[in-house]
Amino acid sequence: MSSGLAKAAPAPGGPGPYTPVVFEVVGRDQETPDVVTLALQPARDEPFAFGPGQFNMLTAFGVGEVPISISSSPGRGPLLHTVREVGPVTRALCQAPLGSPIGVRGPFGTDWGIEDFRQADAVVVAGGIGLAPLRGAVQVLLERMGLPTGPRKVTVLVGARDPGQLIFRQDLEKWASLGADVAVTVDMAAEGWSGSVGVVTQLVQGAGFDAGRTMALVCGPEIMMRFAIQALIERGVLPTSIRLRISLERNMQCGSGLCGHCQLGPYILCRSGPVVTYPDASRLLSEVEL
């Protein structure tokens, strides 16, 4: 699994790790009433290396800085971040018009380690906006599906509170057309919804994957992850083959492990997380107040 050290190399004499690099908003998609995906392009056309699952610190100049997951895959167009409006900084980011400057520091943290998915079935379980840090991983897994360096098949299981809270709808359709088994469920149906109704964990039992040869990625609310992991293990997936993303970015400030605000037990999550294996996560989740 990646150590999370794949960072963009600063130019000689360039900004240090605590100075944001200026990016420009070149696209914005309103995913839901309170969730926006921003497409960012560096003001200076410089490469930005990262792994799926890592995050950046985004600056709304004059307002503040927050950690936000990267929702794009490496080396494919603008840098994407999917932001939910929950406070002053995220509100400023969500309302940023095209052409406005956004500060970017990173990337930080561990990635999904999808280079380990050789000849295994890949299962992705996402709840709500938890699909955002998984999006880039799904795209790379599908590109490698069937290759010696990739998974045998890809299964994507997605849940949302209601149909209006589903993000990346076009991606879900595209992934299915590329050969992924995609299943979507909502907690509460709405008029016109003809899909599954119920929690996302109920999709695990009926999904068509070989549990003995499966690597699983899980991200969403902490309570959802607990039950998703339980369902995967009951299905026969090895605990060591389950990776999840501890979504505690709300505590992160420096991104490099120096401030200590994201310490959880023996872990500094911006450095040794946020992607961890289930054996490590079981200890972390016991520290999380639900």
Protein backbone atom coordinates (compact mmCIF):
# COMPACT_ATOMS: atom_id res chain seq x y z
CA MET A 1 0.00 0.00 0.00
CA SER A 2 1.22 3.46 -0.83
CA SER A 3 2.93 5.46 1.88
CA GLY A 4 1.25 8.63 0.68
CA LEU A 5 4.56 10.25 -0.24
CA ALA A 6 3.72 10.88 -3.90
CA LYS A 7 3.80 14.65 -3.78
CA ALA A 8 4.24 17.31 -6.41
CA ALA A 9 7.89 18.35 -6.47
CA PRO A 10 8.22 22.07 -5.71
CA ALA A 11 10.15 24.15 -8.16
CA PRO A 12 13.58 25.32 -6.99
CA GLY A 13 13.04 28.43 -4.91
CA GLY A 14 9.30 27.85 -5.13
CA PRO A 15 6.72 27.84 -2.33
CA GLY A 16 7.24 25.66 0.72
CA PRO A 17 4.79 23.00 2.00
CA TYR A 18 2.73 25.59 3.91
CA THR A 19 2.35 28.04 1.04
CA PRO A 20 -0.59 27.30 -1.27
CA VAL A 21 -0.08 27.17 -5.00
CA VAL A 22 -2.63 29.25 -6.92
CA PHE A 23 -5.06 27.30 -9.10
CA GLU A 24 -7.90 28.70 -11.20
CA VAL A 25 -11.49 27.42 -11.21
CA VAL A 26 -12.04 26.24 -14.78
CA GLY A 27 -15.22 24.22 -14.21
CA ARG A 28 -17.93 23.59 -11.63
CA ASP A 29 -20.70 21.00 -11.49
CA GLN A 30 -23.58 21.28 -9.03
CA GLU A 31 -23.87 17.65 -7.91
CA THR A 32 -26.62 18.26 -5.30
CA PRO A 33 -28.05 21.43 -3.71
CA ASP A 34 -25.12 21.56 -1.26
CA VAL A 35 -22.35 19.68 -3.12
CA VAL A 36 -20.20 21.13 -5.91
CA THR A 37 -17.36 19.58 -7.90
CA LEU A 38 -14.68 22.16 -8.75
CA ALA A 39 -12.27 21.68 -11.65
CA LEU A 40 -8.98 23.43 -10.90
CA GLN A 41 -6.12 24.26 -13.25
CA PRO A 42 -2.75 25.53 -11.99
CA ALA A 43 -2.08 29.16 -12.81
CA ARG A 44 1.36 27.97 -13.87
CA ASP A 45 1.09 24.93 -16.11
CA GLU A 46 2.99 22.53 -13.84
CA PRO A 47 2.31 18.81 -13.28
CA PHE A 48 0.58 17.76 -10.08
CA ALA A 49 1.23 14.16 -9.01
CA PHE A 50 -1.10 12.36 -6.60
CA GLY A 51 -2.64 8.97 -5.88
CA PRO A 52 -6.40 8.21 -5.78
CA GLY A 53 -7.58 8.67 -2.20
CA GLN A 54 -5.21 11.47 -1.21
CA PHE A 55 -6.42 14.95 -0.26
CA ASN A 56 -5.37 18.58 -0.61
CA MET A 57 -5.68 21.61 1.62
CA LEU A 58 -7.78 24.14 -0.32
CA THR A 59 -7.68 27.86 0.44
CA ALA A 60 -10.54 30.24 -0.13
CA PHE A 61 -8.45 33.39 -0.02
CA GLY A 62 -9.57 35.79 2.68
CA VAL A 63 -11.74 33.13 4.34
CA GLY A 64 -9.64 30.10 5.32
CA GLU A 65 -8.33 26.66 4.44
CA VAL A 66 -9.91 23.19 4.60
CA PRO A 67 -8.86 19.64 3.66
CA ILE A 68 -10.79 18.24 0.68
CA SER A 69 -10.44 14.86 -1.04
CA ILE A 70 -9.24 14.71 -4.63
CA SER A 71 -12.04 13.27 -6.76
CA SER A 72 -10.21 12.96 -10.08
CA SER A 73 -7.82 10.30 -11.33
CA PRO A 74 -4.12 11.09 -11.88
CA GLY A 75 -2.99 12.70 -15.12
CA ARG A 76 -6.45 13.22 -16.62
CA GLY A 77 -7.39 16.86 -17.12
CA PRO A 78 -8.07 19.39 -14.39
CA LEU A 79 -7.74 18.58 -10.70
CA LEU A 80 -11.20 17.83 -9.26
CA HIS A 81 -12.43 18.34 -5.71
CA THR A 82 -15.98 17.59 -4.60
CA VAL A 83 -17.00 19.95 -1.79
CA ARG A 84 -20.01 19.90 0.54
CA GLU A 85 -21.08 23.25 1.98
CA VAL A 86 -20.89 22.91 5.76
CA GLY A 87 -19.22 26.14 6.91
CA PRO A 88 -17.75 29.48 5.84
CA VAL A 89 -14.73 28.09 3.96
CA THR A 90 -16.60 25.35 2.10
CA ARG A 91 -19.36 27.86 1.34
CA ALA A 92 -16.80 30.18 -0.26
CA LEU A 93 -15.36 27.28 -2.26
CA CYS A 94 -18.79 26.08 -3.41
CA GLN A 95 -19.70 29.59 -4.53
CA ALA A 96 -16.37 30.29 -6.28
CA PRO A 97 -17.12 31.45 -9.85
CA LEU A 98 -15.23 30.39 -12.93
CA GLY A 99 -11.86 32.11 -13.17
CA SER A 100 -11.49 32.69 -9.44
CA PRO A 101 -8.26 31.70 -7.64
CA ILE A 102 -8.11 28.79 -5.19
CA GLY A 103 -5.05 27.91 -3.13
CA VAL A 104 -3.87 24.28 -3.17
CA ARG A 105 -1.44 22.54 -0.81
CA GLY A 106 -0.67 18.84 -1.12
CA PRO A 107 -1.22 16.10 -1.89
CA PHE A 108 -1.32 14.62 1.60
CA GLY A 109 -2.05 11.25 3.17
CA THR A 110 -2.12 7.67 1.96
CA ASP A 111 -3.86 6.56 -1.24
CA TRP A 112 -5.98 3.48 -1.99
CA GLY A 113 -3.01 1.38 -3.10
CA ILE A 114 -4.79 0.11 -6.19
CA GLU A 115 -1.52 -1.29 -7.55
CA ASP A 116 -2.23 -4.23 -5.20
CA PHE A 117 -5.41 -5.24 -7.05
CA ARG A 118 -3.72 -7.61 -9.49
CA GLN A 119 -6.06 -10.43 -10.54
CA ALA A 120 -8.45 -9.78 -7.65
CA ASP A 121 -12.10 -8.76 -7.75
CA ALA A 122 -12.38 -5.08 -6.78
CA VAL A 123 -15.40 -4.11 -4.70
CA VAL A 124 -16.12 -0.44 -3.94
CA VAL A 125 -18.72 0.43 -1.29
CA ALA A 126 -19.60 4.13 -0.98
CA GLY A 127 -22.10 6.07 1.09
CA GLY A 128 -23.13 9.60 0.08
CA ILE A 129 -20.24 11.96 -0.62
CA GLY A 130 -17.91 9.08 0.32
CA LEU A 131 -17.97 8.25 -3.38
CA ALA A 132 -15.82 11.36 -4.07
CA PRO A 133 -12.44 10.01 -2.81
CA LEU A 134 -13.27 6.67 -4.49
CA ARG A 135 -14.03 8.13 -7.93
CA GLY A 136 -10.43 8.28 -9.14
CA ALA A 137 -9.76 4.74 -7.90
CA VAL A 138 -12.77 3.36 -9.79
CA GLN A 139 -11.64 5.05 -12.99
CA VAL A 140 -8.11 3.61 -12.75
CA LEU A 141 -9.38 0.15 -11.77
CA LEU A 142 -11.67 0.09 -14.82
CA GLU A 143 -8.82 1.11 -17.12
CA ARG A 144 -6.76 -1.80 -15.76
CA MET A 145 -9.59 -4.33 -15.55
CA GLY A 146 -8.63 -7.61 -17.19
CA LEU A 147 -4.95 -6.67 -17.51
CA PRO A 148 -2.24 -8.59 -15.60
CA THR A 149 -1.70 -5.47 -13.47
CA GLY A 150 -5.40 -4.90 -12.79
CA PRO A 151 -8.48 -6.47 -11.24
CA ARG A 152 -10.48 -9.30 -12.79
CA LYS A 153 -13.73 -7.36 -12.34
CA VAL A 154 -15.00 -4.19 -10.68
CA THR A 155 -18.15 -3.92 -8.55
CA VAL A 156 -19.42 -0.51 -7.39
CA LEU A 157 -22.08 -0.36 -4.66
CA VAL A 158 -23.43 3.13 -3.90
CA GLY A 159 -25.93 4.38 -1.33
CA ALA A 160 -27.44 7.80 -0.68
CA ARG A 161 -30.02 9.24 1.67
CA ASP A 162 -32.41 9.96 -1.23
CA PRO A 163 -32.14 10.22 -5.05
CA GLY A 164 -31.42 13.94 -4.83
CA GLN A 165 -28.24 13.22 -2.85
CA LEU A 166 -26.67 10.96 -5.49
CA ILE A 167 -23.43 12.37 -6.92
CA PHE A 168 -21.58 11.47 -10.15
CA ARG A 169 -24.70 10.12 -11.86
CA GLN A 170 -23.11 10.26 -15.31
CA ASP A 171 -20.04 8.45 -14.01
CA LEU A 172 -22.17 5.65 -12.61
CA GLU A 173 -23.71 5.14 -16.04
CA LYS A 174 -20.32 5.33 -17.74
CA TRP A 175 -18.75 2.82 -15.34
CA ALA A 176 -21.56 0.37 -16.05
CA SER A 177 -21.02 0.80 -19.81
CA LEU A 178 -17.31 0.04 -19.32
CA GLY A 179 -18.07 -3.28 -17.66
CA ALA A 180 -18.43 -2.50 -13.96
CA ASP A 181 -21.25 -4.08 -11.96
CA VAL A 182 -22.93 -0.96 -10.57
CA ALA A 183 -25.74 -1.08 -7.99
CA VAL A 184 -27.35 1.98 -6.38
CA THR A 185 -29.76 2.21 -3.47
CA VAL A 186 -31.35 5.04 -1.48
CA ASP A 187 -32.61 5.15 2.09
CA MET A 188 -35.79 6.97 1.09
CA ALA A 189 -37.39 6.82 -2.33
CA ALA A 190 -38.82 9.83 -4.13
CA GLU A 191 -41.41 10.20 -6.85
CA GLY A 192 -40.08 8.65 -10.05
CA TRP A 193 -37.42 6.53 -8.32
CA SER A 194 -37.60 2.93 -9.56
CA GLY A 195 -34.34 1.65 -8.11
CA SER A 196 -33.48 -0.16 -4.91
CA VAL A 197 -34.55 1.24 -1.53
CA GLY A 198 -32.53 0.41 1.59
CA VAL A 199 -29.08 0.80 3.05
CA VAL A 200 -26.04 0.23 0.86
CA THR A 201 -24.79 -2.67 2.98
CA GLN A 202 -27.72 -4.81 1.83
CA LEU A 203 -26.21 -4.76 -1.69
CA VAL A 204 -23.11 -6.64 -0.54
CA GLN A 205 -24.80 -10.00 -0.08
CA GLY A 206 -26.15 -10.19 -3.63
CA ALA A 207 -23.18 -8.69 -5.46
CA GLY A 208 -21.39 -11.00 -7.88
CA PHE A 209 -17.81 -11.19 -6.67
CA ASP A 210 -15.54 -13.99 -5.47
CA ALA A 211 -15.12 -13.15 -1.79
CA GLY A 212 -11.99 -15.27 -1.48
CA ARG A 213 -10.29 -13.23 -4.21
CA THR A 214 -11.62 -9.77 -3.39
CA MET A 215 -10.04 -6.46 -2.41
CA ALA A 216 -12.58 -3.97 -1.03
CA LEU A 217 -12.56 -0.18 -0.70
CA VAL A 218 -15.06 1.48 1.64
CA CYS A 219 -15.84 5.14 2.32
CA GLY A 220 -18.81 6.92 3.84
CA PRO A 221 -20.26 7.84 7.23
CA GLU A 222 -18.56 5.96 10.08
CA ILE A 223 -21.69 3.97 11.00
CA MET A 224 -22.15 2.93 7.37
CA MET A 225 -18.54 1.77 7.17
CA ARG A 226 -18.94 -0.37 10.29
CA PHE A 227 -21.88 -2.25 8.79
CA ALA A 228 -20.31 -2.44 5.31
CA ILE A 229 -17.19 -4.05 6.75
CA GLN A 230 -19.30 -6.47 8.75
CA ALA A 231 -21.25 -7.42 5.61
CA LEU A 232 -18.05 -7.93 3.60
CA ILE A 233 -16.48 -10.13 6.29
CA GLU A 234 -19.68 -12.16 6.64
CA ARG A 235 -19.60 -12.64 2.87
CA GLY A 236 -16.06 -14.07 3.22
CA VAL A 237 -13.78 -11.16 2.36
CA LEU A 238 -10.57 -11.27 4.41
CA PRO A 239 -10.26 -8.37 6.89
CA THR A 240 -6.75 -7.70 5.60
CA SER A 241 -8.22 -7.22 2.11
CA ILE A 242 -10.52 -4.38 3.21
CA ARG A 243 -9.37 -0.76 3.07
CA LEU A 244 -11.35 2.19 4.25
CA ARG A 245 -10.97 5.90 4.44
CA ILE A 246 -11.31 7.41 7.89
CA SER A 247 -13.09 10.65 7.03
CA LEU A 248 -11.80 12.88 9.82
CA GLU A 249 -10.47 15.68 7.64
CA ARG A 250 -12.48 18.08 9.80
CA ASN A 251 -9.65 17.85 12.36
CA MET A 252 -6.78 18.39 9.93
CA GLN A 253 -4.95 21.71 9.75
CA CYS A 254 -1.33 21.36 8.62
CA GLY A 255 -1.62 18.26 6.42
CA SER A 256 1.89 17.07 7.26
CA GLY A 257 1.59 15.65 10.78
CA LEU A 258 3.15 18.53 12.71
CA CYS A 259 0.16 20.20 14.35
CA GLY A 260 -1.27 17.02 15.89
CA HIS A 261 -4.92 18.04 15.45
CA CYS A 262 -5.78 14.85 13.54
CA GLN A 263 -4.18 12.46 16.02
CA LEU A 264 -6.42 9.49 16.80
CA GLY A 265 -4.85 7.04 19.22
CA PRO A 266 -1.34 6.29 17.97
CA TYR A 267 -2.12 7.59 14.46
CA ILE A 268 -1.60 10.96 12.79
CA LEU A 269 -4.28 10.56 10.13
CA CYS A 270 -2.96 13.10 7.62
CA ARG A 271 0.26 11.08 7.46
CA SER A 272 -0.56 7.44 8.32
CA GLY A 273 -4.08 7.75 6.90
CA PRO A 274 -6.70 8.60 5.89
CA VAL A 275 -6.74 5.30 3.94
CA VAL A 276 -6.01 2.38 6.26
CA THR A 277 -6.52 -1.38 6.26
CA TYR A 278 -9.34 -2.81 8.35
CA PRO A 279 -7.08 -4.27 11.07
CA ASP A 280 -5.73 -0.75 11.71
CA ALA A 281 -9.13 0.85 11.18
CA SER A 282 -10.82 -1.37 13.78
CA ARG A 283 -8.71 0.31 16.43
CA LEU A 284 -9.31 3.75 14.96
CA LEU A 285 -13.08 3.32 14.69
CA SER A 286 -13.22 2.34 18.35
CA GLU A 287 -11.93 5.87 19.06
CA VAL A 288 -14.57 7.59 16.92
CA GLU A 289 -17.64 8.94 18.70
CA LEU A 290 -20.62 8.21 16.50
